[in-house]
Amino acid sequence: MNSRTKGVRVMLDPAKTVQYPRLHAWFLKTEKVAHPEVISILLRAEESVYTWEIFDLDVPEKPRKKIAIC
């Protein structure tokens, strides 16, 4: 039997990255931007470049482990 829980999906939002031209170019792959620069921009931008949504998630029941002595 599965159980249900809430999940959160976080996405880098291109409608919001447009405020940061170098990040936007990297995200859309229109320019090569070094990863350290991208990380620096993301840290400065904080939450302003992300969109998130809460959703219901089915979590499958874990099968019981069978331990045997050989």
PDB file of N, CA and C in Angstrom:
ATOM      1  N   MET A   1       0.843  -1.185   0.000  1.00  0.00           N
ATOM      2  CA  MET A   1       0.000   0.000   0.000  1.00  0.00           C
ATOM      3  C   MET A   1       0.889   1.249   0.000  1.00  0.00           C
ATOM      4  N   ASN A   2       0.580   2.192  -0.851  1.00  0.00           N
ATOM      5  CA  ASN A   2       1.312   3.445  -0.913  1.00  0.00           C
ATOM      6  C   ASN A   2       0.769   4.426   0.119  1.00  0.00           C
ATOM      7  N   SER A   3       1.632   5.334   0.545  1.00  0.00           N
ATOM      8  CA  SER A   3       1.159   6.430   1.391  1.00  0.00           C
ATOM      9  C   SER A   3       1.300   7.726   0.591  1.00  0.00           C
ATOM     10  N   ARG A   4       0.582   8.741   1.010  1.00  0.00           N
ATOM     11  CA  ARG A   4       0.651  10.042   0.318  1.00  0.00           C
ATOM     12  C   ARG A   4       1.318  11.052   1.231  1.00  0.00           C
ATOM     13  N   THR A   5       2.078  11.925   0.600  1.00  0.00           N
ATOM     14  CA  THR A   5       2.727  13.004   1.325  1.00  0.00           C
ATOM     15  C   THR A   5       2.778  14.219   0.408  1.00  0.00           C
ATOM     16  N   LYS A   6       3.197  15.324   0.939  1.00  0.00           N
ATOM     17  CA  LYS A   6       3.360  16.537   0.137  1.00  0.00           C
ATOM     18  C   LYS A   6       4.801  16.604  -0.360  1.00  0.00           C
ATOM     19  N   GLY A   7       4.963  17.071  -1.580  1.00  0.00           N
ATOM     20  CA  GLY A   7       6.287  17.280  -2.150  1.00  0.00           C
ATOM     21  C   GLY A   7       6.403  18.723  -2.601  1.00  0.00           C
ATOM     22  N   VAL A   8       7.624  19.184  -2.799  1.00  0.00           N
ATOM     23  CA  VAL A   8       7.866  20.537  -3.308  1.00  0.00           C
ATOM     24  C   VAL A   8       8.779  20.422  -4.522  1.00  0.00           C
ATOM     25  N   ARG A   9       8.344  20.989  -5.631  1.00  0.00           N
ATOM     26  CA  ARG A   9       9.146  21.014  -6.851  1.00  0.00           C
ATOM     27  C   ARG A   9       9.686  22.429  -6.998  1.00  0.00           C
ATOM     28  N   VAL A  10      11.015  22.551  -7.053  1.00  0.00           N
ATOM     29  CA  VAL A  10      11.671  23.856  -7.194  1.00  0.00           C
ATOM     30  C   VAL A  10      12.299  23.911  -8.580  1.00  0.00           C
ATOM     31  N   MET A  11      12.037  24.999  -9.309  1.00  0.00           N
ATOM     32  CA  MET A  11      12.526  25.136 -10.677  1.00  0.00           C
ATOM     33  C   MET A  11      13.182  26.498 -10.892  1.00  0.00           C
ATOM     34  N   LEU A  12      14.271  26.498 -11.611  1.00  0.00           N
ATOM     35  CA  LEU A  12      14.871  27.745 -12.060  1.00  0.00           C
ATOM     36  C   LEU A  12      13.947  28.272 -13.164  1.00  0.00           C
ATOM     37  N   ASP A  13      13.432  29.477 -13.001  1.00  0.00           N
ATOM     38  CA  ASP A  13      12.381  30.006 -13.869  1.00  0.00           C
ATOM     39  C   ASP A  13      12.955  30.993 -14.883  1.00  0.00           C
ATOM     40  N   PRO A  14      12.916  30.653 -16.182  1.00  0.00           N
ATOM     41  CA  PRO A  14      13.484  31.558 -17.191  1.00  0.00           C
ATOM     42  C   PRO A  14      12.790  32.915 -17.257  1.00  0.00           C
ATOM     43  N   ALA A  15      11.543  32.992 -16.837  1.00  0.00           N
ATOM     44  CA  ALA A  15      10.857  34.290 -16.797  1.00  0.00           C
ATOM     45  C   ALA A  15      11.467  35.188 -15.726  1.00  0.00           C
ATOM     46  N   LYS A  16      12.099  34.577 -14.725  1.00  0.00           N
ATOM     47  CA  LYS A  16      12.720  35.338 -13.640  1.00  0.00           C
ATOM     48  C   LYS A  16      14.224  35.511 -13.845  1.00  0.00           C
ATOM     49  N   THR A  17      14.868  34.576 -14.552  1.00  0.00           N
ATOM     50  CA  THR A  17      16.320  34.707 -14.770  1.00  0.00           C
ATOM     51  C   THR A  17      16.634  35.844 -15.730  1.00  0.00           C
ATOM     52  N   VAL A  18      15.641  36.322 -16.462  1.00  0.00           N
ATOM     53  CA  VAL A  18      15.859  37.414 -17.411  1.00  0.00           C
ATOM     54  C   VAL A  18      16.415  38.656 -16.698  1.00  0.00           C
ATOM     55  N   GLN A  19      16.170  38.774 -15.400  1.00  0.00           N
ATOM     56  CA  GLN A  19      16.705  39.894 -14.617  1.00  0.00           C
ATOM     57  C   GLN A  19      18.231  39.805 -14.467  1.00  0.00           C
ATOM     58  N   TYR A  20      18.783  38.638 -14.761  1.00  0.00           N
ATOM     59  CA  TYR A  20      20.218  38.382 -14.634  1.00  0.00           C
ATOM     60  C   TYR A  20      20.711  37.868 -15.989  1.00  0.00           C
ATOM     61  N   PRO A  21      21.103  38.778 -16.890  1.00  0.00           N
ATOM     62  CA  PRO A  21      21.409  38.405 -18.276  1.00  0.00           C
ATOM     63  C   PRO A  21      22.420  37.260 -18.441  1.00  0.00           C
ATOM     64  N   ARG A  22      23.481  37.243 -17.648  1.00  0.00           N
ATOM     65  CA  ARG A  22      24.478  36.157 -17.787  1.00  0.00           C
ATOM     66  C   ARG A  22      23.881  34.823 -17.343  1.00  0.00           C
ATOM     67  N   LEU A  23      23.117  34.809 -16.273  1.00  0.00           N
ATOM     68  CA  LEU A  23      22.460  33.596 -15.805  1.00  0.00           C
ATOM     69  C   LEU A  23      21.433  33.128 -16.844  1.00  0.00           C
ATOM     70  N   HIS A  24      20.686  34.057 -17.371  1.00  0.00           N
ATOM     71  CA  HIS A  24      19.665  33.747 -18.379  1.00  0.00           C
ATOM     72  C   HIS A  24      20.320  33.128 -19.618  1.00  0.00           C
ATOM     73  N   ALA A  25      21.407  33.710 -20.065  1.00  0.00           N
ATOM     74  CA  ALA A  25      22.126  33.191 -21.233  1.00  0.00           C
ATOM     75  C   ALA A  25      22.655  31.779 -20.967  1.00  0.00           C
ATOM     76  N   TRP A  26      23.176  31.558 -19.774  1.00  0.00           N
ATOM     77  CA  TRP A  26      23.665  30.216 -19.405  1.00  0.00           C
ATOM     78  C   TRP A  26      22.510  29.216 -19.385  1.00  0.00           C
ATOM     79  N   PHE A  27      21.399  29.602 -18.772  1.00  0.00           N
ATOM     80  CA  PHE A  27      20.256  28.701 -18.633  1.00  0.00           C
ATOM     81  C   PHE A  27      19.673  28.320 -19.989  1.00  0.00           C
ATOM     82  N   LEU A  28      19.593  29.272 -20.894  1.00  0.00           N
ATOM     83  CA  LEU A  28      19.049  29.010 -22.228  1.00  0.00           C
ATOM     84  C   LEU A  28      20.109  28.527 -23.209  1.00  0.00           C
ATOM     85  N   LYS A  29      21.336  28.381 -22.732  1.00  0.00           N
ATOM     86  CA  LYS A  29      22.457  27.898 -23.540  1.00  0.00           C
ATOM     87  C   LYS A  29      22.708  28.760 -24.783  1.00  0.00           C
ATOM     88  N   THR A  30      22.560  30.083 -24.625  1.00  0.00           N
ATOM     89  CA  THR A  30      22.860  30.994 -25.725  1.00  0.00           C
ATOM     90  C   THR A  30      24.277  31.537 -25.621  1.00  0.00           C
ATOM     91  N   GLU A  31      24.898  31.371 -24.442  1.00  0.00           N
ATOM     92  CA  GLU A  31      26.291  31.770 -24.217  1.00  0.00           C
ATOM     93  C   GLU A  31      26.930  30.765 -23.278  1.00  0.00           C
ATOM     94  N   LYS A  32      28.240  30.635 -23.409  1.00  0.00           N
ATOM     95  CA  LYS A  32      28.962  29.830 -22.434  1.00  0.00           C
ATOM     96  C   LYS A  32      29.324  30.739 -21.263  1.00  0.00           C
ATOM     97  N   VAL A  33      28.953  30.309 -20.084  1.00  0.00           N
ATOM     98  CA  VAL A  33      29.244  31.065 -18.870  1.00  0.00           C
ATOM     99  C   VAL A  33      29.886  30.089 -17.899  1.00  0.00           C
ATOM    100  N   ALA A  34      30.995  30.490 -17.313  1.00  0.00           N
ATOM    101  CA  ALA A  34      31.718  29.612 -16.392  1.00  0.00           C
ATOM    102  C   ALA A  34      30.859  29.301 -15.169  1.00  0.00           C
ATOM    103  N   HIS A  35      30.949  28.072 -14.706  1.00  0.00           N
ATOM    104  CA  HIS A  35      30.133  27.649 -13.564  1.00  0.00           C
ATOM    105  C   HIS A  35      30.363  28.499 -12.305  1.00  0.00           C
ATOM    106  N   PRO A  36      31.605  28.875 -11.987  1.00  0.00           N
ATOM    107  CA  PRO A  36      31.775  29.740 -10.803  1.00  0.00           C
ATOM    108  C   PRO A  36      30.989  31.057 -10.923  1.00  0.00           C
ATOM    109  N   GLU A  37      30.907  31.597 -12.128  1.00  0.00           N
ATOM    110  CA  GLU A  37      30.140  32.826 -12.325  1.00  0.00           C
ATOM    111  C   GLU A  37      28.644  32.563 -12.127  1.00  0.00           C
ATOM    112  N   VAL A  38      28.164  31.451 -12.654  1.00  0.00           N
ATOM    113  CA  VAL A  38      26.751  31.089 -12.508  1.00  0.00           C
ATOM    114  C   VAL A  38      26.401  30.909 -11.031  1.00  0.00           C
ATOM    115  N   ILE A  39      27.252  30.198 -10.299  1.00  0.00           N
ATOM    116  CA  ILE A  39      27.014  29.979  -8.865  1.00  0.00           C
ATOM    117  C   ILE A  39      26.975  31.306  -8.127  1.00  0.00           C
ATOM    118  N   SER A  40      27.894  32.194  -8.456  1.00  0.00           N
ATOM    119  CA  SER A  40      27.933  33.511  -7.820  1.00  0.00           C
ATOM    120  C   SER A  40      26.634  34.283  -8.068  1.00  0.00           C
ATOM    121  N   ILE A  41      26.145  34.240  -9.295  1.00  0.00           N
ATOM    122  CA  ILE A  41      24.895  34.930  -9.630  1.00  0.00           C
ATOM    123  C   ILE A  41      23.724  34.308  -8.869  1.00  0.00           C
ATOM    124  N   LEU A  42      23.669  32.971  -8.832  1.00  0.00           N
ATOM    125  CA  LEU A  42      22.590  32.292  -8.118  1.00  0.00           C
ATOM    126  C   LEU A  42      22.583  32.648  -6.634  1.00  0.00           C
ATOM    127  N   LEU A  43      23.752  32.745  -6.040  1.00  0.00           N
ATOM    128  CA  LEU A  43      23.835  33.106  -4.622  1.00  0.00           C
ATOM    129  C   LEU A  43      23.350  34.527  -4.379  1.00  0.00           C
ATOM    130  N   ARG A  44      23.691  35.443  -5.296  1.00  0.00           N
ATOM    131  CA  ARG A  44      23.233  36.827  -5.158  1.00  0.00           C
ATOM    132  C   ARG A  44      21.729  36.951  -5.406  1.00  0.00           C
ATOM    133  N   ALA A  45      21.216  36.174  -6.361  1.00  0.00           N
ATOM    134  CA  ALA A  45      19.800  36.248  -6.728  1.00  0.00           C
ATOM    135  C   ALA A  45      18.894  35.656  -5.656  1.00  0.00           C
ATOM    136  N   GLU A  46      19.444  34.755  -4.850  1.00  0.00           N
ATOM    137  CA  GLU A  46      18.683  34.070  -3.807  1.00  0.00           C
ATOM    138  C   GLU A  46      17.413  33.446  -4.384  1.00  0.00           C
ATOM    139  N   GLU A  47      16.261  33.676  -3.761  1.00  0.00           N
ATOM    140  CA  GLU A  47      15.013  33.026  -4.174  1.00  0.00           C
ATOM    141  C   GLU A  47      14.348  33.688  -5.380  1.00  0.00           C
ATOM    142  N   SER A  48      14.865  34.823  -5.825  1.00  0.00           N
ATOM    143  CA  SER A  48      14.170  35.600  -6.854  1.00  0.00           C
ATOM    144  C   SER A  48      14.135  34.937  -8.232  1.00  0.00           C
ATOM    145  N   VAL A  49      14.932  33.903  -8.470  1.00  0.00           N
ATOM    146  CA  VAL A  49      14.973  33.268  -9.789  1.00  0.00           C
ATOM    147  C   VAL A  49      14.293  31.894  -9.827  1.00  0.00           C
ATOM    148  N   TYR A  50      13.665  31.522  -8.719  1.00  0.00           N
ATOM    149  CA  TYR A  50      13.038  30.200  -8.631  1.00  0.00           C
ATOM    150  C   TYR A  50      11.522  30.304  -8.545  1.00  0.00           C
ATOM    151  N   THR A  51      10.872  29.275  -9.044  1.00  0.00           N
ATOM    152  CA  THR A  51       9.444  29.084  -8.870  1.00  0.00           C
ATOM    153  C   THR A  51       9.284  27.732  -8.197  1.00  0.00           C
ATOM    154  N   TRP A  52       8.302  27.616  -7.322  1.00  0.00           N
ATOM    155  CA  TRP A  52       8.082  26.327  -6.677  1.00  0.00           C
ATOM    156  C   TRP A  52       6.593  26.024  -6.632  1.00  0.00           C
ATOM    157  N   GLU A  53       6.304  24.727  -6.526  1.00  0.00           N
ATOM    158  CA  GLU A  53       4.920  24.295  -6.389  1.00  0.00           C
ATOM    159  C   GLU A  53       4.869  23.133  -5.406  1.00  0.00           C
ATOM    160  N   ILE A  54       3.780  23.072  -4.670  1.00  0.00           N
ATOM    161  CA  ILE A  54       3.547  21.986  -3.720  1.00  0.00           C
ATOM    162  C   ILE A  54       2.594  21.004  -4.401  1.00  0.00           C
ATOM    163  N   PHE A  55       2.896  19.717  -4.276  1.00  0.00           N
ATOM    164  CA  PHE A  55       2.063  18.710  -4.914  1.00  0.00           C
ATOM    165  C   PHE A  55       1.960  17.470  -4.029  1.00  0.00           C
ATOM    166  N   ASP A  56       0.944  16.648  -4.297  1.00  0.00           N
ATOM    167  CA  ASP A  56       0.781  15.379  -3.587  1.00  0.00           C
ATOM    168  C   ASP A  56       1.662  14.332  -4.257  1.00  0.00           C
ATOM    169  N   LEU A  57       2.245  13.493  -3.445  1.00  0.00           N
ATOM    170  CA  LEU A  57       3.192  12.503  -3.935  1.00  0.00           C
ATOM    171  C   LEU A  57       2.859  11.144  -3.339  1.00  0.00           C
ATOM    172  N   ASP A  58       2.791  10.124  -4.190  1.00  0.00           N
ATOM    173  CA  ASP A  58       2.623   8.752  -3.712  1.00  0.00           C
ATOM    174  C   ASP A  58       3.990   8.201  -3.343  1.00  0.00           C
ATOM    175  N   VAL A  59       4.109   7.677  -2.149  1.00  0.00           N
ATOM    176  CA  VAL A  59       5.361   7.081  -1.687  1.00  0.00           C
ATOM    177  C   VAL A  59       5.138   5.578  -1.565  1.00  0.00           C
ATOM    178  N   PRO A  60       5.823   4.798  -2.404  1.00  0.00           N
ATOM    179  CA  PRO A  60       5.614   3.356  -2.328  1.00  0.00           C
ATOM    180  C   PRO A  60       6.143   2.780  -1.020  1.00  0.00           C
ATOM    181  N   GLU A  61       5.459   1.754  -0.559  1.00  0.00           N
ATOM    182  CA  GLU A  61       5.900   1.080   0.665  1.00  0.00           C
ATOM    183  C   GLU A  61       7.191   0.337   0.367  1.00  0.00           C
ATOM    184  N   LYS A  62       8.138   0.432   1.292  1.00  0.00           N
ATOM    185  CA  LYS A  62       9.403  -0.281   1.123  1.00  0.00           C
ATOM    186  C   LYS A  62       9.182  -1.766   1.381  1.00  0.00           C
ATOM    187  N   PRO A  63       9.748  -2.597   0.518  1.00  0.00           N
ATOM    188  CA  PRO A  63       9.628  -4.026   0.801  1.00  0.00           C
ATOM    189  C   PRO A  63      10.463  -4.381   2.036  1.00  0.00           C
ATOM    190  N   ARG A  64       9.973  -5.337   2.781  1.00  0.00           N
ATOM    191  CA  ARG A  64      10.720  -5.784   3.972  1.00  0.00           C
ATOM    192  C   ARG A  64      11.993  -6.473   3.532  1.00  0.00           C
ATOM    193  N   LYS A  65      13.058  -6.220   4.265  1.00  0.00           N
ATOM    194  CA  LYS A  65      14.328  -6.887   3.975  1.00  0.00           C
ATOM    195  C   LYS A  65      14.282  -8.296   4.511  1.00  0.00           C
ATOM    196  N   LYS A  66      14.848  -9.203   3.754  1.00  0.00           N
ATOM    197  CA  LYS A  66      14.960 -10.577   4.205  1.00  0.00           C
ATOM    198  C   LYS A  66      16.431 -10.830   4.535  1.00  0.00           C
ATOM    199  N   ILE A  67      16.688 -11.153   5.753  1.00  0.00           N
ATOM    200  CA  ILE A  67      18.065 -11.419   6.194  1.00  0.00           C
ATOM    201  C   ILE A  67      18.205 -12.921   6.375  1.00  0.00           C
ATOM    202  N   ALA A  68      19.239 -13.445   5.763  1.00  0.00           N
ATOM    203  CA  ALA A  68      19.475 -14.889   5.873  1.00  0.00           C
ATOM    204  C   ALA A  68      20.937 -15.119   6.196  1.00  0.00           C
ATOM    205  N   ILE A  69      21.185 -16.152   6.982  1.00  0.00           N
ATOM    206  CA  ILE A  69      22.557 -16.558   7.301  1.00  0.00           C
ATOM    207  C   ILE A  69      22.929 -17.668   6.333  1.00  0.00           C
ATOM    208  N   CYS A  70      24.039 -17.473   5.676  1.00  0.00           N
ATOM    209  CA  CYS A  70      24.493 -18.471   4.708  1.00  0.00           C
ATOM    210  C   CYS A  70      25.452 -19.460   5.341  1.00  0.00           C
TER     211      CYS A  70
END
